[in-house]
């Protein structure tokens, strides 16, 4: 299969084939997508009902408003950069063997681990299901230190369980460990 990517190695700026003013018009689609997402966030934030709570003076509106404005600003700066002729640097290369096939065994194992983890959260609780999820993902990705992987999974699950409970006030399911945790 032939590579149709233009060779930009001779041009140190990486702007071969790009007009100096007006830029690469195909990248304006990304600008439009960013701007559209920003407008969507702002419209949805405007439709949020005001919260009448003494515990939360700000309510849920500030985060989507800030993110929407930031997305619009990034889209504007990106469009200006494209119009001035700016292009991203061409990739120098990666440690990826493009001739190698897909590893469907690993992908399949990860799908099974995530499915089993999702099914076990309610009956066993987050700490046990999360520990098995982290250990299973590590195993699928090639870790063969089973005890250490499981210990790290337990530690991460306990940390996230208490971070959600204490830090955010969100109770994750305790499952069979209810009353112990």
N, C-alpha and C. Protein backbone atom coordinates (compact mmCIF):
# COMPACT_ATOMS: atom_id res chain seq x y z
N UNK A 1 0.85 -1.16 0.00
CA UNK A 1 0.00 0.00 0.00
C UNK A 1 0.90 1.22 0.00
N UNK A 2 0.62 2.18 -0.83
CA UNK A 2 1.49 3.35 -0.95
C UNK A 2 1.08 4.41 0.05
N UNK A 3 2.08 5.19 0.47
CA UNK A 3 1.86 6.27 1.41
C UNK A 3 1.57 7.54 0.63
N UNK A 4 0.40 8.12 0.84
CA UNK A 4 0.00 9.32 0.12
C UNK A 4 0.27 10.59 0.91
N UNK A 5 0.94 10.47 2.06
CA UNK A 5 1.26 11.63 2.87
C UNK A 5 2.34 12.45 2.18
N UNK A 6 2.12 13.77 2.05
CA UNK A 6 3.14 14.58 1.39
C UNK A 6 4.42 14.64 2.21
N UNK A 7 5.55 14.64 1.50
CA UNK A 7 6.85 14.69 2.16
C UNK A 7 7.17 16.13 2.52
N UNK A 8 7.22 16.41 3.83
CA UNK A 8 7.49 17.77 4.30
C UNK A 8 8.87 17.87 4.93
N UNK A 9 9.73 16.90 4.66
CA UNK A 9 11.05 16.92 5.28
C UNK A 9 11.96 17.99 4.70
N UNK A 10 11.73 18.40 3.44
CA UNK A 10 12.59 19.40 2.83
C UNK A 10 12.27 20.80 3.35
N UNK A 11 11.04 21.03 3.79
CA UNK A 11 10.62 22.33 4.28
C UNK A 11 10.69 22.32 5.80
N UNK A 12 11.59 23.10 6.42
CA UNK A 12 11.74 23.04 7.87
C UNK A 12 10.51 23.53 8.63
N UNK A 13 9.66 24.34 8.01
CA UNK A 13 8.46 24.81 8.70
C UNK A 13 7.34 23.81 8.62
N UNK A 14 7.44 22.84 7.76
CA UNK A 14 6.40 21.83 7.60
C UNK A 14 5.17 22.37 6.91
N UNK A 15 5.31 23.45 6.14
CA UNK A 15 4.15 24.07 5.52
C UNK A 15 4.10 23.85 4.01
N UNK A 16 4.64 22.74 3.54
CA UNK A 16 4.62 22.47 2.11
C UNK A 16 3.18 22.28 1.66
N UNK A 17 2.82 22.95 0.59
CA UNK A 17 1.48 22.80 0.03
C UNK A 17 0.43 23.64 0.74
N UNK A 18 0.82 24.50 1.67
CA UNK A 18 -0.13 25.32 2.39
C UNK A 18 0.08 26.76 1.97
N UNK A 19 -1.03 27.43 1.68
CA UNK A 19 -0.93 28.83 1.29
C UNK A 19 -0.38 29.64 2.44
N UNK A 20 0.34 30.73 2.13
CA UNK A 20 0.90 31.54 3.20
C UNK A 20 -0.18 32.32 3.94
N UNK A 21 -1.16 32.86 3.23
CA UNK A 21 -2.27 33.55 3.88
C UNK A 21 -3.55 32.76 3.59
N UNK A 22 -4.36 32.61 4.56
CA UNK A 22 -5.59 31.85 4.39
C UNK A 22 -5.47 30.47 5.01
N UNK A 23 -4.29 29.90 5.02
CA UNK A 23 -4.04 28.65 5.70
C UNK A 23 -4.68 27.44 5.07
N UNK A 24 -4.59 26.36 5.77
CA UNK A 24 -5.14 25.08 5.35
C UNK A 24 -6.63 25.07 5.68
N UNK A 25 -7.45 25.15 4.65
CA UNK A 25 -8.88 25.29 4.86
C UNK A 25 -9.51 24.08 5.52
N UNK A 26 -8.89 22.93 5.41
CA UNK A 26 -9.46 21.73 6.03
C UNK A 26 -9.44 21.84 7.56
N UNK A 27 -8.49 22.59 8.10
CA UNK A 27 -8.40 22.73 9.55
C UNK A 27 -9.46 23.65 10.12
N UNK A 28 -10.10 24.45 9.26
CA UNK A 28 -11.17 25.31 9.74
C UNK A 28 -12.36 24.49 10.23
N UNK A 29 -12.49 23.26 9.78
CA UNK A 29 -13.54 22.38 10.28
C UNK A 29 -13.36 22.09 11.76
N UNK A 30 -12.11 21.92 12.17
CA UNK A 30 -11.84 21.70 13.59
C UNK A 30 -12.19 22.95 14.39
N UNK A 31 -11.87 24.12 13.83
CA UNK A 31 -12.23 25.38 14.49
C UNK A 31 -13.74 25.48 14.65
N UNK A 32 -14.46 25.14 13.60
CA UNK A 32 -15.92 25.19 13.66
C UNK A 32 -16.47 24.20 14.69
N UNK A 33 -15.87 23.03 14.77
CA UNK A 33 -16.30 22.04 15.76
C UNK A 33 -16.07 22.54 17.19
N UNK A 34 -14.91 23.12 17.43
CA UNK A 34 -14.63 23.67 18.76
C UNK A 34 -15.58 24.81 19.10
N UNK A 35 -15.81 25.69 18.13
CA UNK A 35 -16.72 26.81 18.36
C UNK A 35 -18.15 26.30 18.58
N UNK A 36 -18.57 25.31 17.82
CA UNK A 36 -19.90 24.74 17.99
C UNK A 36 -20.08 24.11 19.35
N UNK A 37 -19.06 23.40 19.81
CA UNK A 37 -19.13 22.80 21.14
C UNK A 37 -19.18 23.87 22.22
N UNK A 38 -18.42 24.96 22.03
CA UNK A 38 -18.47 26.07 22.98
C UNK A 38 -19.83 26.72 23.03
N UNK A 39 -20.45 26.94 21.87
CA UNK A 39 -21.79 27.53 21.83
C UNK A 39 -22.79 26.58 22.47
N UNK A 40 -22.67 25.28 22.20
CA UNK A 40 -23.57 24.30 22.81
C UNK A 40 -23.47 24.33 24.33
N UNK A 41 -22.26 24.43 24.85
CA UNK A 41 -22.09 24.51 26.30
C UNK A 41 -22.72 25.77 26.87
N UNK A 42 -22.53 26.89 26.18
CA UNK A 42 -23.11 28.15 26.66
C UNK A 42 -24.64 28.13 26.61
N UNK A 43 -25.21 27.56 25.56
CA UNK A 43 -26.67 27.47 25.46
C UNK A 43 -27.22 26.56 26.55
N UNK A 44 -26.58 25.41 26.75
CA UNK A 44 -27.05 24.50 27.80
C UNK A 44 -26.89 25.11 29.19
N UNK A 45 -25.82 25.86 29.41
CA UNK A 45 -25.63 26.52 30.71
C UNK A 45 -26.68 27.59 30.94
N UNK A 46 -27.09 28.27 29.89
CA UNK A 46 -28.11 29.31 30.03
C UNK A 46 -29.47 28.70 30.37
N UNK A 47 -29.70 27.46 29.96
CA UNK A 47 -30.97 26.81 30.24
C UNK A 47 -31.03 26.14 31.61
N UNK A 48 -29.91 26.11 32.34
CA UNK A 48 -29.92 25.52 33.68
C UNK A 48 -30.74 26.40 34.62
N UNK A 49 -31.56 25.75 35.41
CA UNK A 49 -32.38 26.48 36.37
C UNK A 49 -31.51 26.94 37.53
N UNK A 50 -31.82 28.09 38.10
CA UNK A 50 -31.04 28.54 39.26
C UNK A 50 -31.25 27.59 40.44
N UNK A 51 -30.19 27.39 41.18
CA UNK A 51 -30.23 26.47 42.31
C UNK A 51 -30.49 27.28 43.58
N UNK A 52 -31.48 26.84 44.33
CA UNK A 52 -31.81 27.50 45.59
C UNK A 52 -31.28 26.65 46.73
N UNK A 53 -29.99 26.74 46.96
CA UNK A 53 -29.36 25.95 48.01
C UNK A 53 -28.41 26.84 48.80
N UNK A 54 -28.47 26.71 50.09
CA UNK A 54 -27.57 27.51 50.92
C UNK A 54 -26.17 26.92 50.95
N UNK A 55 -26.03 25.65 50.57
CA UNK A 55 -24.72 25.01 50.58
C UNK A 55 -23.88 25.35 49.37
N UNK A 56 -24.51 25.67 48.26
CA UNK A 56 -23.81 25.94 47.01
C UNK A 56 -24.25 27.27 46.46
N UNK A 57 -23.48 28.30 46.72
CA UNK A 57 -23.87 29.64 46.29
C UNK A 57 -23.78 29.82 44.78
N UNK A 58 -22.85 29.14 44.13
CA UNK A 58 -22.66 29.33 42.69
C UNK A 58 -23.59 28.47 41.85
N UNK A 59 -23.79 27.24 42.25
CA UNK A 59 -24.61 26.34 41.46
C UNK A 59 -23.81 25.70 40.33
N UNK A 60 -24.50 25.03 39.40
CA UNK A 60 -23.81 24.29 38.35
C UNK A 60 -23.44 25.12 37.12
N UNK A 61 -23.81 26.39 37.07
CA UNK A 61 -23.61 27.18 35.85
C UNK A 61 -22.17 27.58 35.55
N UNK A 62 -21.34 27.92 36.50
CA UNK A 62 -20.02 28.48 36.15
C UNK A 62 -19.12 27.56 35.33
N UNK A 63 -19.13 26.28 35.61
CA UNK A 63 -18.21 25.38 34.90
C UNK A 63 -18.53 25.30 33.40
N UNK A 64 -19.77 25.05 32.98
CA UNK A 64 -20.01 25.02 31.53
C UNK A 64 -19.83 26.39 30.87
N UNK A 65 -20.10 27.46 31.60
CA UNK A 65 -19.89 28.79 31.02
C UNK A 65 -18.41 29.04 30.78
N UNK A 66 -17.59 28.73 31.77
CA UNK A 66 -16.14 28.92 31.61
C UNK A 66 -15.60 28.04 30.50
N UNK A 67 -16.01 26.77 30.47
CA UNK A 67 -15.54 25.87 29.42
C UNK A 67 -16.02 26.32 28.03
N UNK A 68 -17.25 26.78 27.93
CA UNK A 68 -17.76 27.26 26.65
C UNK A 68 -16.99 28.47 26.15
N UNK A 69 -16.72 29.41 27.03
CA UNK A 69 -15.95 30.60 26.64
C UNK A 69 -14.53 30.20 26.24
N UNK A 70 -13.91 29.30 27.02
CA UNK A 70 -12.56 28.85 26.68
C UNK A 70 -12.52 28.15 25.33
N UNK A 71 -13.53 27.33 25.03
CA UNK A 71 -13.57 26.67 23.73
C UNK A 71 -13.70 27.69 22.60
N UNK A 72 -14.51 28.71 22.79
CA UNK A 72 -14.64 29.76 21.77
C UNK A 72 -13.33 30.52 21.58
N UNK A 73 -12.63 30.80 22.67
CA UNK A 73 -11.34 31.51 22.58
C UNK A 73 -10.31 30.64 21.86
N UNK A 74 -10.25 29.35 22.19
CA UNK A 74 -9.31 28.45 21.53
C UNK A 74 -9.64 28.34 20.05
N UNK A 75 -10.91 28.24 19.70
CA UNK A 75 -11.31 28.17 18.29
C UNK A 75 -10.90 29.43 17.55
N UNK A 76 -11.06 30.58 18.19
CA UNK A 76 -10.67 31.85 17.56
C UNK A 76 -9.16 31.91 17.34
N UNK A 77 -8.38 31.59 18.37
CA UNK A 77 -6.92 31.63 18.23
C UNK A 77 -6.43 30.60 17.21
N UNK A 78 -7.07 29.43 17.18
CA UNK A 78 -6.70 28.40 16.22
C UNK A 78 -6.99 28.87 14.79
N UNK A 79 -8.15 29.52 14.59
CA UNK A 79 -8.50 30.04 13.26
C UNK A 79 -7.52 31.13 12.83
N UNK A 80 -7.13 31.99 13.76
CA UNK A 80 -6.15 33.03 13.43
C UNK A 80 -4.81 32.40 13.06
N UNK A 81 -4.41 31.38 13.80
CA UNK A 81 -3.15 30.70 13.50
C UNK A 81 -3.18 30.05 12.13
N UNK A 82 -4.30 29.42 11.80
CA UNK A 82 -4.43 28.79 10.48
C UNK A 82 -4.42 29.86 9.38
N UNK A 83 -5.12 30.96 9.60
CA UNK A 83 -5.17 32.03 8.61
C UNK A 83 -3.78 32.61 8.36
N UNK A 84 -2.95 32.67 9.39
CA UNK A 84 -1.59 33.18 9.24
C UNK A 84 -0.64 32.16 8.61
N UNK A 85 -1.12 30.94 8.39
CA UNK A 85 -0.29 29.94 7.72
C UNK A 85 0.35 28.94 8.66
N UNK A 86 -0.02 28.96 9.92
CA UNK A 86 0.56 28.02 10.88
C UNK A 86 0.07 26.60 10.64
N UNK A 87 0.98 25.66 10.74
CA UNK A 87 0.63 24.25 10.63
C UNK A 87 1.34 23.51 11.74
N UNK A 88 0.81 22.38 12.10
CA UNK A 88 1.45 21.54 13.10
C UNK A 88 2.69 20.89 12.53
N UNK A 89 3.63 20.61 13.40
CA UNK A 89 4.86 19.95 12.97
C UNK A 89 4.55 18.51 12.56
N UNK A 90 5.19 18.08 11.50
CA UNK A 90 5.01 16.71 11.06
C UNK A 90 5.62 15.77 12.09
N UNK A 91 5.02 14.62 12.25
CA UNK A 91 5.52 13.66 13.23
C UNK A 91 6.87 13.13 12.77
N UNK A 92 7.77 13.07 13.72
CA UNK A 92 9.10 12.57 13.43
C UNK A 92 9.13 11.04 13.41
N UNK A 93 8.21 10.45 14.07
CA UNK A 93 8.15 9.00 14.11
C UNK A 93 7.75 8.55 15.49
N UNK A 94 7.27 7.36 15.58
CA UNK A 94 6.86 6.80 16.84
C UNK A 94 7.45 5.42 16.98
N UNK A 95 7.31 4.87 18.16
CA UNK A 95 7.79 3.52 18.42
C UNK A 95 6.69 2.51 18.11
N UNK A 96 6.00 2.71 17.00
CA UNK A 96 4.91 1.84 16.62
C UNK A 96 5.29 1.15 15.32
N UNK A 97 5.13 -0.14 15.32
CA UNK A 97 5.38 -0.91 14.11
C UNK A 97 4.09 -0.96 13.30
N UNK A 98 4.03 -0.15 12.25
CA UNK A 98 2.81 -0.05 11.46
C UNK A 98 2.54 -1.30 10.64
N UNK A 99 3.53 -2.15 10.48
CA UNK A 99 3.32 -3.37 9.72
C UNK A 99 2.72 -4.49 10.58
N UNK A 100 2.74 -4.30 11.90
CA UNK A 100 2.18 -5.32 12.78
C UNK A 100 0.66 -5.25 12.75
N UNK A 101 0.03 -6.39 12.94
CA UNK A 101 -1.43 -6.45 12.94
C UNK A 101 -2.01 -6.00 14.27
N UNK A 102 -3.32 -5.97 14.33
CA UNK A 102 -4.02 -5.58 15.55
C UNK A 102 -3.95 -6.71 16.56
N UNK A 103 -3.92 -6.35 17.83
CA UNK A 103 -3.87 -7.34 18.91
C UNK A 103 -5.28 -7.51 19.47
N UNK A 104 -6.07 -8.33 18.80
CA UNK A 104 -7.46 -8.50 19.21
C UNK A 104 -7.58 -9.28 20.50
N UNK A 105 -6.58 -10.05 20.87
CA UNK A 105 -6.62 -10.79 22.14
C UNK A 105 -6.63 -9.80 23.30
N UNK A 106 -5.75 -8.80 23.27
CA UNK A 106 -5.69 -7.81 24.34
C UNK A 106 -6.97 -6.99 24.38
N UNK A 107 -7.46 -6.57 23.22
CA UNK A 107 -8.70 -5.78 23.16
C UNK A 107 -9.86 -6.61 23.70
N UNK A 108 -9.93 -7.87 23.31
CA UNK A 108 -10.99 -8.75 23.81
C UNK A 108 -10.93 -8.94 25.31
N UNK A 109 -9.72 -9.14 25.84
CA UNK A 109 -9.57 -9.28 27.29
C UNK A 109 -10.01 -8.01 28.01
N UNK A 110 -9.65 -6.85 27.48
CA UNK A 110 -10.06 -5.59 28.11
C UNK A 110 -11.57 -5.41 28.07
N UNK A 111 -12.21 -5.79 26.98
CA UNK A 111 -13.67 -5.70 26.89
C UNK A 111 -14.31 -6.60 27.93
N UNK A 112 -13.80 -7.82 28.08
CA UNK A 112 -14.34 -8.76 29.07
C UNK A 112 -14.13 -8.22 30.48
N UNK A 113 -12.93 -7.70 30.76
CA UNK A 113 -12.63 -7.18 32.10
C UNK A 113 -13.56 -6.01 32.44
N UNK A 114 -13.77 -5.08 31.49
CA UNK A 114 -14.66 -3.96 31.74
C UNK A 114 -16.10 -4.43 31.93
N UNK A 115 -16.54 -5.40 31.14
CA UNK A 115 -17.90 -5.92 31.29
C UNK A 115 -18.11 -6.61 32.63
N UNK A 116 -17.15 -7.44 33.02
CA UNK A 116 -17.24 -8.12 34.31
C UNK A 116 -17.17 -7.11 35.45
N UNK A 117 -16.30 -6.12 35.32
CA UNK A 117 -16.19 -5.08 36.35
C UNK A 117 -17.50 -4.31 36.50
N UNK A 118 -18.13 -3.96 35.39
CA UNK A 118 -19.39 -3.24 35.45
C UNK A 118 -20.49 -4.10 36.07
N UNK A 119 -20.47 -5.40 35.79
CA UNK A 119 -21.49 -6.29 36.33
C UNK A 119 -21.28 -6.55 37.83
N UNK A 120 -20.05 -6.46 38.31
CA UNK A 120 -19.76 -6.78 39.71
C UNK A 120 -19.83 -5.58 40.65
N UNK A 121 -19.94 -4.37 40.14
CA UNK A 121 -19.93 -3.19 41.02
C UNK A 121 -21.10 -3.22 41.99
N UNK A 122 -22.29 -3.50 41.52
CA UNK A 122 -23.46 -3.48 42.40
C UNK A 122 -23.42 -4.60 43.46
N UNK A 123 -23.18 -5.86 43.08
CA UNK A 123 -23.22 -6.89 44.13
C UNK A 123 -21.99 -6.91 45.04
N UNK A 124 -20.81 -6.67 44.51
CA UNK A 124 -19.60 -6.77 45.33
C UNK A 124 -19.14 -5.44 45.89
N UNK A 125 -19.54 -4.34 45.27
CA UNK A 125 -19.10 -3.03 45.73
C UNK A 125 -17.91 -2.55 44.92
N UNK A 126 -17.65 -1.23 45.02
CA UNK A 126 -16.60 -0.61 44.23
C UNK A 126 -15.22 -1.13 44.59
N UNK A 127 -14.93 -1.33 45.87
CA UNK A 127 -13.57 -1.68 46.26
C UNK A 127 -13.17 -3.03 45.67
N UNK A 128 -14.03 -4.02 45.78
CA UNK A 128 -13.70 -5.34 45.25
C UNK A 128 -13.75 -5.33 43.72
N UNK A 129 -14.82 -4.79 43.15
CA UNK A 129 -14.96 -4.77 41.69
C UNK A 129 -13.87 -3.90 41.07
N UNK A 130 -13.56 -2.76 41.68
CA UNK A 130 -12.51 -1.89 41.17
C UNK A 130 -11.14 -2.54 41.24
N UNK A 131 -10.88 -3.26 42.33
CA UNK A 131 -9.61 -3.97 42.45
C UNK A 131 -9.45 -5.01 41.35
N UNK A 132 -10.53 -5.77 41.12
CA UNK A 132 -10.49 -6.77 40.04
C UNK A 132 -10.38 -6.10 38.67
N UNK A 133 -11.03 -4.95 38.51
CA UNK A 133 -10.95 -4.21 37.25
C UNK A 133 -9.52 -3.76 36.98
N UNK A 134 -8.88 -3.14 37.96
CA UNK A 134 -7.51 -2.67 37.77
C UNK A 134 -6.54 -3.84 37.56
N UNK A 135 -6.72 -4.91 38.35
CA UNK A 135 -5.85 -6.07 38.19
C UNK A 135 -6.05 -6.72 36.82
N UNK A 136 -7.32 -6.85 36.40
CA UNK A 136 -7.61 -7.46 35.11
C UNK A 136 -7.07 -6.65 33.94
N UNK A 137 -7.17 -5.32 34.03
CA UNK A 137 -6.61 -4.48 32.97
C UNK A 137 -5.09 -4.61 32.92
N UNK A 138 -4.45 -4.62 34.09
CA UNK A 138 -3.00 -4.78 34.13
C UNK A 138 -2.60 -6.13 33.54
N UNK A 139 -3.36 -7.18 33.86
CA UNK A 139 -3.07 -8.51 33.32
C UNK A 139 -3.24 -8.52 31.80
N UNK A 140 -4.31 -7.93 31.31
CA UNK A 140 -4.58 -7.91 29.87
C UNK A 140 -3.49 -7.15 29.12
N UNK A 141 -2.93 -6.13 29.76
CA UNK A 141 -1.90 -5.33 29.12
C UNK A 141 -0.49 -5.88 29.32
N UNK A 142 -0.37 -7.03 29.97
CA UNK A 142 0.92 -7.70 30.02
C UNK A 142 1.58 -7.81 31.38
N UNK A 143 0.98 -7.31 32.44
CA UNK A 143 1.59 -7.41 33.77
C UNK A 143 1.46 -8.85 34.27
N UNK A 144 2.55 -9.44 34.68
CA UNK A 144 2.52 -10.81 35.20
C UNK A 144 2.91 -10.88 36.67
N UNK A 145 2.92 -9.74 37.35
CA UNK A 145 3.14 -9.70 38.80
C UNK A 145 1.76 -9.62 39.44
N UNK A 146 1.12 -10.80 39.63
CA UNK A 146 -0.28 -10.84 40.00
C UNK A 146 -0.55 -10.27 41.39
N UNK A 147 0.27 -10.62 42.36
CA UNK A 147 0.04 -10.15 43.74
C UNK A 147 0.24 -8.64 43.81
N UNK A 148 1.31 -8.16 43.21
CA UNK A 148 1.57 -6.72 43.23
C UNK A 148 0.47 -5.96 42.46
N UNK A 149 0.04 -6.49 41.33
CA UNK A 149 -1.03 -5.85 40.56
C UNK A 149 -2.33 -5.79 41.35
N UNK A 150 -2.66 -6.87 42.05
CA UNK A 150 -3.87 -6.88 42.86
C UNK A 150 -3.73 -5.93 44.04
N UNK A 151 -2.56 -5.85 44.66
CA UNK A 151 -2.35 -4.93 45.79
C UNK A 151 -2.48 -3.48 45.33
N UNK A 152 -1.93 -3.17 44.18
CA UNK A 152 -2.06 -1.81 43.64
C UNK A 152 -3.52 -1.53 43.30
N UNK A 153 -4.23 -2.53 42.75
CA UNK A 153 -5.65 -2.36 42.46
C UNK A 153 -6.47 -2.10 43.71
N UNK A 154 -6.17 -2.81 44.80
CA UNK A 154 -6.88 -2.58 46.07
C UNK A 154 -6.58 -1.18 46.58
N UNK A 155 -5.32 -0.77 46.51
CA UNK A 155 -4.95 0.57 46.99
C UNK A 155 -5.66 1.65 46.17
N UNK A 156 -5.66 1.53 44.87
CA UNK A 156 -6.31 2.53 44.02
C UNK A 156 -7.83 2.54 44.27
N UNK A 157 -8.42 1.37 44.44
CA UNK A 157 -9.86 1.31 44.70
C UNK A 157 -10.22 1.94 46.03
N UNK A 158 -9.43 1.67 47.06
CA UNK A 158 -9.70 2.28 48.37
C UNK A 158 -9.50 3.79 48.33
N UNK A 159 -8.46 4.23 47.65
CA UNK A 159 -8.21 5.68 47.55
C UNK A 159 -9.36 6.36 46.82
N UNK A 160 -9.79 5.78 45.70
CA UNK A 160 -10.89 6.41 44.96
C UNK A 160 -12.20 6.32 45.73
N UNK A 161 -12.43 5.22 46.45
CA UNK A 161 -13.65 5.08 47.25
C UNK A 161 -13.74 6.19 48.28
N UNK A 162 -12.66 6.39 49.04
CA UNK A 162 -12.68 7.42 50.08
C UNK A 162 -12.56 8.83 49.51
N UNK A 163 -11.90 8.99 48.37
CA UNK A 163 -11.84 10.32 47.74
C UNK A 163 -13.22 10.75 47.29
N UNK A 164 -14.00 9.83 46.75
CA UNK A 164 -15.36 10.16 46.35
C UNK A 164 -16.24 10.39 47.58
N UNK A 165 -16.10 9.53 48.59
CA UNK A 165 -16.97 9.65 49.78
C UNK A 165 -16.65 10.89 50.59
N UNK A 166 -15.38 11.13 50.88
CA UNK A 166 -14.99 12.24 51.74
C UNK A 166 -14.83 13.53 50.94
N UNK A 167 -14.11 13.45 49.84
CA UNK A 167 -13.81 14.65 49.07
C UNK A 167 -14.98 15.20 48.29
N UNK A 168 -15.78 14.33 47.69
CA UNK A 168 -16.88 14.78 46.83
C UNK A 168 -18.26 14.58 47.45
N UNK A 169 -18.34 13.79 48.49
CA UNK A 169 -19.63 13.52 49.09
C UNK A 169 -20.49 12.57 48.27
N UNK A 170 -19.86 11.78 47.40
CA UNK A 170 -20.57 10.82 46.57
C UNK A 170 -20.24 9.43 47.09
N UNK A 171 -21.28 8.70 47.46
CA UNK A 171 -21.05 7.37 48.00
C UNK A 171 -21.06 6.34 46.88
N UNK A 172 -19.93 5.69 46.68
CA UNK A 172 -19.85 4.57 45.75
C UNK A 172 -20.40 3.35 46.44
N UNK A 173 -20.91 2.38 45.69
CA UNK A 173 -21.50 1.19 46.35
C UNK A 173 -20.45 0.41 47.13
N UNK A 174 -20.80 0.07 48.37
CA UNK A 174 -19.87 -0.68 49.22
C UNK A 174 -20.06 -2.19 49.03
N UNK A 175 -21.23 -2.61 48.56
CA UNK A 175 -21.48 -4.03 48.30
C UNK A 175 -21.39 -4.87 49.54
N UNK A 176 -20.68 -5.97 49.47
CA UNK A 176 -20.59 -6.88 50.60
C UNK A 176 -19.71 -6.33 51.72
N UNK A 177 -19.00 -5.25 51.47
CA UNK A 177 -18.19 -4.63 52.50
C UNK A 177 -18.93 -3.51 53.23
N UNK A 178 -20.24 -3.44 53.03
CA UNK A 178 -21.04 -2.39 53.68
C UNK A 178 -20.97 -2.60 55.19
N UNK A 179 -20.65 -1.56 55.91
CA UNK A 179 -20.48 -1.63 57.35
C UNK A 179 -19.02 -1.76 57.75
N UNK A 180 -18.18 -2.24 56.84
CA UNK A 180 -16.75 -2.37 57.12
C UNK A 180 -16.02 -1.11 56.67
N UNK A 181 -16.41 -0.58 55.52
CA UNK A 181 -15.75 0.59 54.97
C UNK A 181 -16.29 1.86 55.56
